[in-house]
C-alpha cells in the first residue's frame, strides 16, 4: 500500500537551519527552491517531541524501490554529502523528498535527466533525536 506524505514534520532546529541554508545557497538555486517548498508547508515540533519514525537531518534510512532494491541513505547538509558512501544532501532532489517523511511514506523526485524516481521509507535506522542528540 502506497502512502503519500500530505504534511511533513520537521524539528524546529532543522527548519531554522534549512531556512538559512535555502536563503544563502548560491551554488544550487533550483535545489534551494525545492527545500523552500518543503519548509513552507512543514509542521514544526521541538526536537524532543519528534517521533522516532520521521526522517530528520542526519537520519539513516532504509529505502525500498519499486524494483525491489533496498538502499541505506543518510540525509545530510551539502558539505557532508558523499553519495558513493550513502550521504545524500538535503538540497538534492532525493534528499529534499525524504526530509520530514514518516516510515511507510513514499518519496518522489526527478533525476537530473528528468526521470521520476520513487522509494518507500521502510525504516529509520538511526535518528539523532531518538538517540538523545538534540543539537545535530
C-alpha atoms as a PDB file:
ATOM      1  CA  UNK A   1       0.000   0.000   0.000  1.00  0.00           C
ATOM      2  CA  UNK A   2       1.428   3.373  -1.031  1.00  0.00           C
ATOM      3  CA  UNK A   3       1.302   6.204   1.461  1.00  0.00           C
ATOM      4  CA  UNK A   4       1.901   9.743   0.263  1.00  0.00           C
ATOM      5  CA  UNK A   5       3.069  12.468   2.615  1.00  0.00           C
ATOM      6  CA  UNK A   6       0.461  15.196   2.877  1.00  0.00           C
ATOM      7  CA  UNK A   7       2.325  17.095   5.561  1.00  0.00           C
ATOM      8  CA  UNK A   8       5.912  16.758   6.626  1.00  0.00           C
ATOM      9  CA  UNK A   9       7.119  17.116  10.182  1.00  0.00           C
ATOM     10  CA  UNK A  10      10.420  18.837  10.936  1.00  0.00           C
ATOM     11  CA  UNK A  11      12.191  19.737  14.116  1.00  0.00           C
ATOM     12  CA  UNK A  12      12.280  23.467  14.823  1.00  0.00           C
ATOM     13  CA  UNK A  13      16.097  23.292  14.678  1.00  0.00           C
ATOM     14  CA  UNK A  14      16.148  21.571  11.267  1.00  0.00           C
ATOM     15  CA  UNK A  15      13.584  24.060   9.958  1.00  0.00           C
ATOM     16  CA  UNK A  16      15.620  27.028  11.185  1.00  0.00           C
ATOM     17  CA  UNK A  17      18.944  25.770   9.815  1.00  0.00           C
ATOM     18  CA  UNK A  18      17.450  24.764   6.472  1.00  0.00           C
ATOM     19  CA  UNK A  19      15.664  28.098   6.104  1.00  0.00           C
ATOM     20  CA  UNK A  20      19.020  29.858   6.441  1.00  0.00           C
ATOM     21  CA  UNK A  21      20.669  27.399   4.048  1.00  0.00           C
ATOM     22  CA  UNK A  22      17.941  27.877   1.427  1.00  0.00           C
ATOM     23  CA  UNK A  23      18.330  31.665   1.594  1.00  0.00           C
ATOM     24  CA  UNK A  24      22.116  31.603   1.388  1.00  0.00           C
ATOM     25  CA  UNK A  25      22.721  28.732  -1.050  1.00  0.00           C
ATOM     26  CA  UNK A  26      24.326  30.323  -4.109  1.00  0.00           C
ATOM     27  CA  UNK A  27      25.531  27.152  -5.803  1.00  0.00           C
ATOM     28  CA  UNK A  28      22.242  25.437  -6.421  1.00  0.00           C
ATOM     29  CA  UNK A  29      19.258  27.787  -6.618  1.00  0.00           C
ATOM     30  CA  UNK A  30      16.900  25.122  -8.036  1.00  0.00           C
ATOM     31  CA  UNK A  31      17.656  22.721  -5.200  1.00  0.00           C
ATOM     32  CA  UNK A  32      17.261  25.511  -2.636  1.00  0.00           C
ATOM     33  CA  UNK A  33      13.861  26.292  -4.162  1.00  0.00           C
ATOM     34  CA  UNK A  34      12.812  22.644  -3.648  1.00  0.00           C
ATOM     35  CA  UNK A  35      13.691  22.691   0.023  1.00  0.00           C
ATOM     36  CA  UNK A  36      11.924  26.039   0.467  1.00  0.00           C
ATOM     37  CA  UNK A  37       8.691  24.424  -0.738  1.00  0.00           C
ATOM     38  CA  UNK A  38       9.107  21.678   1.873  1.00  0.00           C
ATOM     39  CA  UNK A  39       9.847  24.221   4.597  1.00  0.00           C
ATOM     40  CA  UNK A  40       6.805  26.357   3.814  1.00  0.00           C
ATOM     41  CA  UNK A  41       4.360  23.507   4.271  1.00  0.00           C
ATOM     42  CA  UNK A  42       6.086  21.613   7.108  1.00  0.00           C
ATOM     43  CA  UNK A  43       4.697  21.165  10.602  1.00  0.00           C
ATOM     44  CA  UNK A  44       7.363  22.097  13.188  1.00  0.00           C
ATOM     45  CA  UNK A  45       7.887  20.417  16.538  1.00  0.00           C
ATOM     46  CA  UNK A  46      10.575  20.739  19.223  1.00  0.00           C
ATOM     47  CA  UNK A  47      13.453  18.281  18.767  1.00  0.00           C
ATOM     48  CA  UNK A  48      12.496  16.401  21.929  1.00  0.00           C
ATOM     49  CA  UNK A  49       8.956  15.872  20.549  1.00  0.00           C
ATOM     50  CA  UNK A  50       9.788  14.493  17.094  1.00  0.00           C
ATOM     51  CA  UNK A  51       8.525  10.914  16.656  1.00  0.00           C
ATOM     52  CA  UNK A  52      11.333   8.393  16.058  1.00  0.00           C
ATOM     53  CA  UNK A  53       9.861   7.233  12.730  1.00  0.00           C
ATOM     54  CA  UNK A  54      10.338  10.600  10.971  1.00  0.00           C
ATOM     55  CA  UNK A  55      13.316  11.432   8.753  1.00  0.00           C
ATOM     56  CA  UNK A  56      15.293  14.320  10.267  1.00  0.00           C
ATOM     57  CA  UNK A  57      18.715  15.711   9.400  1.00  0.00           C
ATOM     58  CA  UNK A  58      21.395  13.040   9.772  1.00  0.00           C
ATOM     59  CA  UNK A  59      18.831  10.270   9.971  1.00  0.00           C
ATOM     60  CA  UNK A  60      19.895   6.999   8.370  1.00  0.00           C
ATOM     61  CA  UNK A  61      17.005   5.439   6.482  1.00  0.00           C
ATOM     62  CA  UNK A  62      16.292   2.184   4.713  1.00  0.00           C
ATOM     63  CA  UNK A  63      14.528   2.700   1.392  1.00  0.00           C
ATOM     64  CA  UNK A  64      12.894   0.222  -0.931  1.00  0.00           C
ATOM     65  CA  UNK A  65      12.461   0.928  -4.625  1.00  0.00           C
ATOM     66  CA  UNK A  66       9.690  -0.383  -6.896  1.00  0.00           C
ATOM     67  CA  UNK A  67      12.118  -2.885  -8.458  1.00  0.00           C
ATOM     68  CA  UNK A  68      12.717  -4.460  -5.013  1.00  0.00           C
ATOM     69  CA  UNK A  69      16.134  -2.923  -4.396  1.00  0.00           C
ATOM     70  CA  UNK A  70      16.919  -1.664  -0.893  1.00  0.00           C
ATOM     71  CA  UNK A  71      19.298   1.136  -0.022  1.00  0.00           C
ATOM     72  CA  UNK A  72      20.524   2.832   3.151  1.00  0.00           C
ATOM     73  CA  UNK A  73      20.938   6.606   2.945  1.00  0.00           C
ATOM     74  CA  UNK A  74      21.880   9.284   5.447  1.00  0.00           C
ATOM     75  CA  UNK A  75      20.293  12.705   4.950  1.00  0.00           C
ATOM     76  CA  UNK A  76      22.921  15.420   5.431  1.00  0.00           C
ATOM     77  CA  UNK A  77      23.893  19.006   4.693  1.00  0.00           C
ATOM     78  CA  UNK A  78      25.587  19.715   1.334  1.00  0.00           C
ATOM     79  CA  UNK A  79      29.099  19.985   2.809  1.00  0.00           C
ATOM     80  CA  UNK A  80      28.832  16.409   4.159  1.00  0.00           C
ATOM     81  CA  UNK A  81      27.313  14.849   1.038  1.00  0.00           C
ATOM     82  CA  UNK A  82      29.070  11.799  -0.400  1.00  0.00           C
ATOM     83  CA  UNK A  83      26.567   9.796  -2.472  1.00  0.00           C
ATOM     84  CA  UNK A  84      29.047   6.945  -3.003  1.00  0.00           C
ATOM     85  CA  UNK A  85      29.035   6.458   0.804  1.00  0.00           C
ATOM     86  CA  UNK A  86      25.265   6.886   1.128  1.00  0.00           C
ATOM     87  CA  UNK A  87      25.338  10.520   2.372  1.00  0.00           C
ATOM     88  CA  UNK A  88      22.738  12.472   0.389  1.00  0.00           C
ATOM     89  CA  UNK A  89      22.433  16.258   0.535  1.00  0.00           C
ATOM     90  CA  UNK A  90      19.131  17.646   1.740  1.00  0.00           C
ATOM     91  CA  UNK A  91      19.374  20.074  -1.192  1.00  0.00           C
ATOM     92  CA  UNK A  92      19.441  17.252  -3.738  1.00  0.00           C
ATOM     93  CA  UNK A  93      16.130  16.183  -5.285  1.00  0.00           C
ATOM     94  CA  UNK A  94      16.254  12.834  -3.456  1.00  0.00           C
ATOM     95  CA  UNK A  95      17.293  14.436  -0.169  1.00  0.00           C
ATOM     96  CA  UNK A  96      14.604  17.102  -0.119  1.00  0.00           C
ATOM     97  CA  UNK A  97      11.991  14.479  -0.967  1.00  0.00           C
ATOM     98  CA  UNK A  98      12.955  12.439   2.127  1.00  0.00           C
ATOM     99  CA  UNK A  99      13.034  15.217   4.710  1.00  0.00           C
ATOM    100  CA  UNK A 100      10.168  15.002   7.182  1.00  0.00           C
ATOM    101  CA  UNK A 101       8.687  11.766   5.838  1.00  0.00           C
ATOM    102  CA  UNK A 102       7.404   9.057   8.153  1.00  0.00           C
ATOM    103  CA  UNK A 103       8.121   5.331   7.828  1.00  0.00           C
ATOM    104  CA  UNK A 104       5.727   3.919   5.230  1.00  0.00           C
ATOM    105  CA  UNK A 105       5.582   7.101   3.174  1.00  0.00           C
ATOM    106  CA  UNK A 106       6.914   7.377  -0.343  1.00  0.00           C
ATOM    107  CA  UNK A 107       9.497   9.873  -1.549  1.00  0.00           C
ATOM    108  CA  UNK A 108       9.248  11.132  -5.135  1.00  0.00           C
ATOM    109  CA  UNK A 109      11.895  13.080  -7.028  1.00  0.00           C
ATOM    110  CA  UNK A 110      13.243  13.765 -10.502  1.00  0.00           C
ATOM    111  CA  UNK A 111      16.763  12.861 -11.546  1.00  0.00           C
ATOM    112  CA  UNK A 112      18.941  15.400 -13.384  1.00  0.00           C
ATOM    113  CA  UNK A 113      17.911  13.585 -16.598  1.00  0.00           C
ATOM    114  CA  UNK A 114      14.250  14.258 -15.763  1.00  0.00           C
ATOM    115  CA  UNK A 115      13.280  10.696 -14.842  1.00  0.00           C
ATOM    116  CA  UNK A 116      10.906  10.243 -11.903  1.00  0.00           C
ATOM    117  CA  UNK A 117      12.089   8.052  -9.040  1.00  0.00           C
ATOM    118  CA  UNK A 118      10.179   6.786  -6.029  1.00  0.00           C
ATOM    119  CA  UNK A 119      11.185   4.940  -2.900  1.00  0.00           C
ATOM    120  CA  UNK A 120       9.333   3.959   0.247  1.00  0.00           C
ATOM    121  CA  UNK A 121      10.852   4.689   3.648  1.00  0.00           C
ATOM    122  CA  UNK A 122      10.953   1.207   5.209  1.00  0.00           C
ATOM    123  CA  UNK A 123      12.744   2.203   8.400  1.00  0.00           C
ATOM    124  CA  UNK A 124      14.522   4.996  10.183  1.00  0.00           C
ATOM    125  CA  UNK A 125      17.590   3.058  11.263  1.00  0.00           C
ATOM    126  CA  UNK A 126      19.088   5.976  13.167  1.00  0.00           C
ATOM    127  CA  UNK A 127      17.629   9.344  14.103  1.00  0.00           C
ATOM    128  CA  UNK A 128      19.782  11.759  16.148  1.00  0.00           C
ATOM    129  CA  UNK A 129      16.853  12.961  18.247  1.00  0.00           C
ATOM    130  CA  UNK A 130      15.753   9.418  19.123  1.00  0.00           C
ATOM    131  CA  UNK A 131      19.267   8.770  20.444  1.00  0.00           C
ATOM    132  CA  UNK A 132      19.184  11.915  22.611  1.00  0.00           C
ATOM    133  CA  UNK A 133      21.128  14.237  20.279  1.00  0.00           C
ATOM    134  CA  UNK A 134      19.035  17.395  20.001  1.00  0.00           C
ATOM    135  CA  UNK A 135      21.797  19.596  18.565  1.00  0.00           C
ATOM    136  CA  UNK A 136      22.645  17.887  15.249  1.00  0.00           C
END
